[in-house]
Protein backbone atom coordinates (compact mmCIF):
# COMPACT_ATOMS: atom_id res chain seq x y z
CA UNK A 1 0.29 0.20 0.15
CA UNK A 2 1.28 3.23 -0.71
CA UNK A 3 1.23 6.44 1.37
CA UNK A 4 -2.03 7.68 -0.80
CA UNK A 5 -4.06 4.56 -0.18
CA UNK A 6 -2.64 4.18 3.29
CA UNK A 7 -3.63 8.62 3.91
CA UNK A 8 -7.16 7.51 2.03
CA UNK A 9 -7.69 4.52 4.23
CA UNK A 10 -7.30 6.72 7.57
CA UNK A 11 -9.29 9.33 5.98
CA UNK A 12 -12.32 6.94 4.94
CA UNK A 13 -12.77 4.92 8.29
CA UNK A 14 -11.62 7.99 10.80
CA UNK A 15 -15.10 9.58 11.76
CA UNK A 16 -13.72 13.23 13.30
CA UNK A 17 -10.28 15.57 12.33
CA UNK A 18 -9.97 18.20 14.25
CA UNK A 19 -9.83 21.29 12.47
CA UNK A 20 -7.29 23.58 13.10
CA UNK A 21 -7.54 27.51 11.52
CA UNK A 22 -5.99 30.91 12.68
CA UNK A 23 -7.78 34.31 12.53
CA UNK A 24 -4.66 36.64 13.32
CA UNK A 25 -2.49 35.41 16.06
CA UNK A 26 -5.69 33.97 16.99
CA UNK A 27 -5.49 29.89 16.97
CA UNK A 28 -8.81 28.29 16.93
CA UNK A 29 -9.33 24.19 16.40
CA UNK A 30 -12.26 22.04 16.74
CA UNK A 31 -13.64 18.17 16.08
CA UNK A 32 -15.32 18.42 12.51
CA UNK A 33 -16.93 15.54 11.33
CA UNK A 34 -15.67 15.19 7.54
CA UNK A 35 -15.89 13.02 3.90
CA UNK A 36 -13.41 12.83 1.68
CA UNK A 37 -14.34 12.54 -1.78
CA UNK A 38 -12.02 12.06 -4.52
CA UNK A 39 -9.09 14.09 -3.20
CA UNK A 40 -10.90 16.62 -1.15
CA UNK A 41 -12.64 16.98 2.43
CA UNK A 42 -15.45 18.41 2.98
CA UNK A 43 -17.25 19.24 6.21
CA UNK A 44 -20.49 21.49 7.41
CA UNK A 45 -22.12 23.02 9.71
CA UNK A 46 -23.63 27.16 10.50
CA UNK A 47 -23.56 29.07 7.82
CA UNK A 48 -22.15 31.56 10.76
CA UNK A 49 -19.99 30.68 13.77
CA UNK A 50 -16.63 30.76 14.69
CA UNK A 51 -15.48 28.18 12.53
CA UNK A 52 -17.16 30.41 9.47
CA UNK A 53 -15.48 33.94 10.75
CA UNK A 54 -12.12 32.33 10.78
CA UNK A 55 -12.00 30.21 7.18
CA UNK A 56 -13.74 33.74 6.01
CA UNK A 57 -10.89 35.45 7.32
CA UNK A 58 -8.15 33.40 6.72
CA UNK A 59 -8.56 30.12 3.60
CA UNK A 60 -5.81 28.56 5.02
CA UNK A 61 -6.90 24.78 7.18
CA UNK A 62 -4.97 22.87 9.11
CA UNK A 63 -6.75 18.34 10.21
CA UNK A 64 -5.34 16.53 11.96
CA UNK A 65 -6.77 12.91 11.84
CA UNK A 66 -6.57 10.36 14.43
CA UNK A 67 -7.23 7.13 13.79
CA UNK A 68 -6.89 5.06 17.45
CA UNK A 69 -5.28 1.20 18.29
CA UNK A 70 -4.48 0.13 21.36
CA UNK A 71 -2.85 2.16 24.53
CA UNK A 72 0.30 -0.18 25.58
CA UNK A 73 0.76 -0.51 29.37
CA UNK A 74 4.24 0.23 30.41
CA UNK A 75 4.83 -3.16 31.32
CA UNK A 76 3.72 -4.34 28.23
CA UNK A 77 7.34 -4.09 26.41
CA UNK A 78 9.14 -3.58 30.30
CA UNK A 79 9.31 -5.19 33.43
CA UNK A 80 11.07 -1.94 35.07
CA UNK A 81 7.79 -1.15 36.74
CA UNK A 82 8.78 2.71 35.27
CA UNK A 83 6.14 4.31 33.93
CA UNK A 84 8.25 5.84 30.58
CA UNK A 85 6.93 3.19 28.14
CA UNK A 86 3.52 3.44 28.30
CA UNK A 87 2.45 4.19 24.71
CA UNK A 88 -0.49 4.66 22.07
CA UNK A 89 -0.48 3.18 19.31
CA UNK A 90 -1.76 4.55 16.11
CA UNK A 91 -2.14 5.56 12.29
CA UNK A 92 -2.06 9.79 11.58
CA UNK A 93 -3.02 12.05 9.37
CA UNK A 94 -2.16 15.94 8.96
CA UNK A 95 -3.55 17.44 5.98
CA UNK A 96 -3.07 21.96 5.61
CA UNK A 97 -5.29 23.05 2.82
CA UNK A 98 -6.94 26.07 1.50
CA UNK A 99 -11.37 26.36 2.43
CA UNK A 100 -13.89 26.76 -0.08
CA UNK A 101 -17.13 27.52 1.15
CA UNK A 102 -19.39 25.34 -1.15
CA UNK A 103 -23.32 27.37 -2.48
CA UNK A 104 -24.25 25.20 -4.95
CA UNK A 105 -27.34 23.33 -3.82
CA UNK A 106 -26.76 19.94 -5.48
CA UNK A 107 -23.18 19.61 -4.38
CA UNK A 108 -23.84 20.71 -0.79
CA UNK A 109 -26.51 17.73 -1.20
CA UNK A 110 -24.20 15.05 -2.95
CA UNK A 111 -21.46 16.19 -0.08
CA UNK A 112 -24.73 15.70 2.67
CA UNK A 113 -25.52 12.20 0.44
CA UNK A 114 -21.80 11.23 1.24
CA UNK A 115 -21.47 12.01 4.96
CA UNK A 116 -24.02 10.48 6.10
CA UNK A 117 -23.51 6.86 3.56
CA UNK A 118 -19.67 7.63 5.56
CA UNK A 119 -21.59 7.52 9.38
CA UNK A 120 -24.76 5.43 9.07
CA UNK A 121 -23.84 3.34 6.87
CA UNK A 122 -26.98 1.31 7.16
CA UNK A 123 -28.99 3.45 5.96
CA UNK A 124 -32.51 4.53 7.28
CA UNK A 125 -32.61 7.91 6.96
CA UNK A 126 -34.34 9.43 3.54
CA UNK A 127 -31.91 10.31 0.72
CA UNK A 128 -31.23 14.50 0.87
CA UNK A 129 -32.44 14.58 -2.50
CA UNK A 130 -36.29 15.17 -0.56
CA UNK A 131 -37.39 18.30 -0.86
CA UNK A 132 -38.27 17.83 2.50
CA UNK A 133 -34.38 18.90 3.36
CA UNK A 134 -34.70 21.98 0.62
CA UNK A 135 -34.57 24.29 4.08
CA UNK A 136 -31.84 22.69 6.61
CA UNK A 137 -29.08 22.06 3.51
CA UNK A 138 -30.08 25.70 2.68
CA UNK A 139 -28.85 27.19 6.00
CA UNK A 140 -26.29 24.11 6.03
CA UNK A 141 -22.67 25.23 5.74
CA UNK A 142 -20.65 22.96 3.78
CA UNK A 143 -17.05 24.06 3.14
CA UNK A 144 -14.28 22.08 0.43
CA UNK A 145 -10.84 21.36 2.05
CA UNK A 146 -8.33 21.46 -1.01
CA UNK A 147 -5.39 19.54 0.27
CA UNK A 148 -1.92 20.93 -0.23
CA UNK A 149 0.70 18.64 2.02
CA UNK A 150 -0.01 15.35 3.26
CA UNK A 151 1.71 13.92 6.54
CA UNK A 152 1.47 11.21 7.15
CA UNK A 153 3.06 9.26 11.22
CA UNK A 154 2.16 5.46 11.92
CA UNK A 155 3.54 4.43 15.53
CA UNK A 156 3.30 0.82 16.27
CA UNK A 157 6.68 0.13 18.18
CA UNK A 158 8.17 -0.52 14.15
CA UNK A 159 11.72 0.85 15.65
CA UNK A 160 11.69 -0.68 18.95
CA UNK A 161 14.48 -3.55 19.96
CA UNK A 162 12.72 -7.20 18.22
CA UNK A 163 13.11 -8.08 22.37
CA UNK A 164 10.29 -5.46 23.67
CA UNK A 165 8.60 -5.77 20.75
CA UNK A 166 7.83 -9.64 20.27
CA UNK A 167 7.34 -8.65 24.49
CA UNK A 168 4.19 -6.44 23.29
CA UNK A 169 2.51 -9.16 20.44
CA UNK A 170 2.59 -11.42 23.54
CA UNK A 171 0.92 -8.74 26.05
CA UNK A 172 -2.08 -7.59 22.95
CA UNK A 173 -2.96 -11.50 21.55
CA UNK A 174 -2.94 -12.58 25.40
CA UNK A 175 -5.02 -9.39 26.42
CA UNK A 176 -7.00 -10.79 22.89
CA UNK A 177 -9.40 -7.91 21.95
CA UNK A 178 -10.62 -7.22 18.41
CA UNK A 179 -8.44 -4.23 18.70
CA UNK A 180 -5.03 -5.49 19.82
CA UNK A 181 -5.72 -8.16 17.06
CA UNK A 182 -5.86 -5.24 14.60
CA UNK A 183 -3.06 -3.71 16.03
CA UNK A 184 -0.49 -6.68 15.81
CA UNK A 185 -1.68 -6.51 12.38
CA UNK A 186 -0.27 -3.16 11.80
CA UNK A 187 2.95 -3.93 14.14
CA UNK A 188 3.53 -7.00 11.89
CA UNK A 189 3.32 -5.21 8.71
CA UNK A 190 5.70 -1.70 9.38
CA UNK A 191 8.46 -4.09 10.87
CA UNK A 192 8.28 -6.21 7.67
């Protein structure tokens, strides 16, 4: 899997991002649900408010997206009794881009349908092309992020000495949650 495929996998399988904005010297960060369509990211919100105010002034944004994996207690990789080996394994992407507010009603509807498909895969709702949503869609802001820089980080103990790495796998196997098994799979792929 190349880096863009890894990035898209993280984006498509993570439900929210932390959006960072700046107005002058004032920073602002806020969690947002998002969806990727092709190479663009989209989120929705109120037409009025702090996010839109910041974006109106400065279109440059940054998104931090983290797909969490297992918590690694200190005793999973060391017998020293020290706290410092404790960690958390994860995959993450930081995206720098420019924000554009979408005004086209059909584009807004398409984005909201894609977001619903991501967040509610089982369905159970009326498609947003239905006229009952017309006013709500009109009153909703949709923001398109055009990325210009991606940074990916995957932390799975791949730089640890083999003894500690193996100890973590053994402890994760014993604990045996679904997430632990997914973590082991990522560890082995990245160590190879």
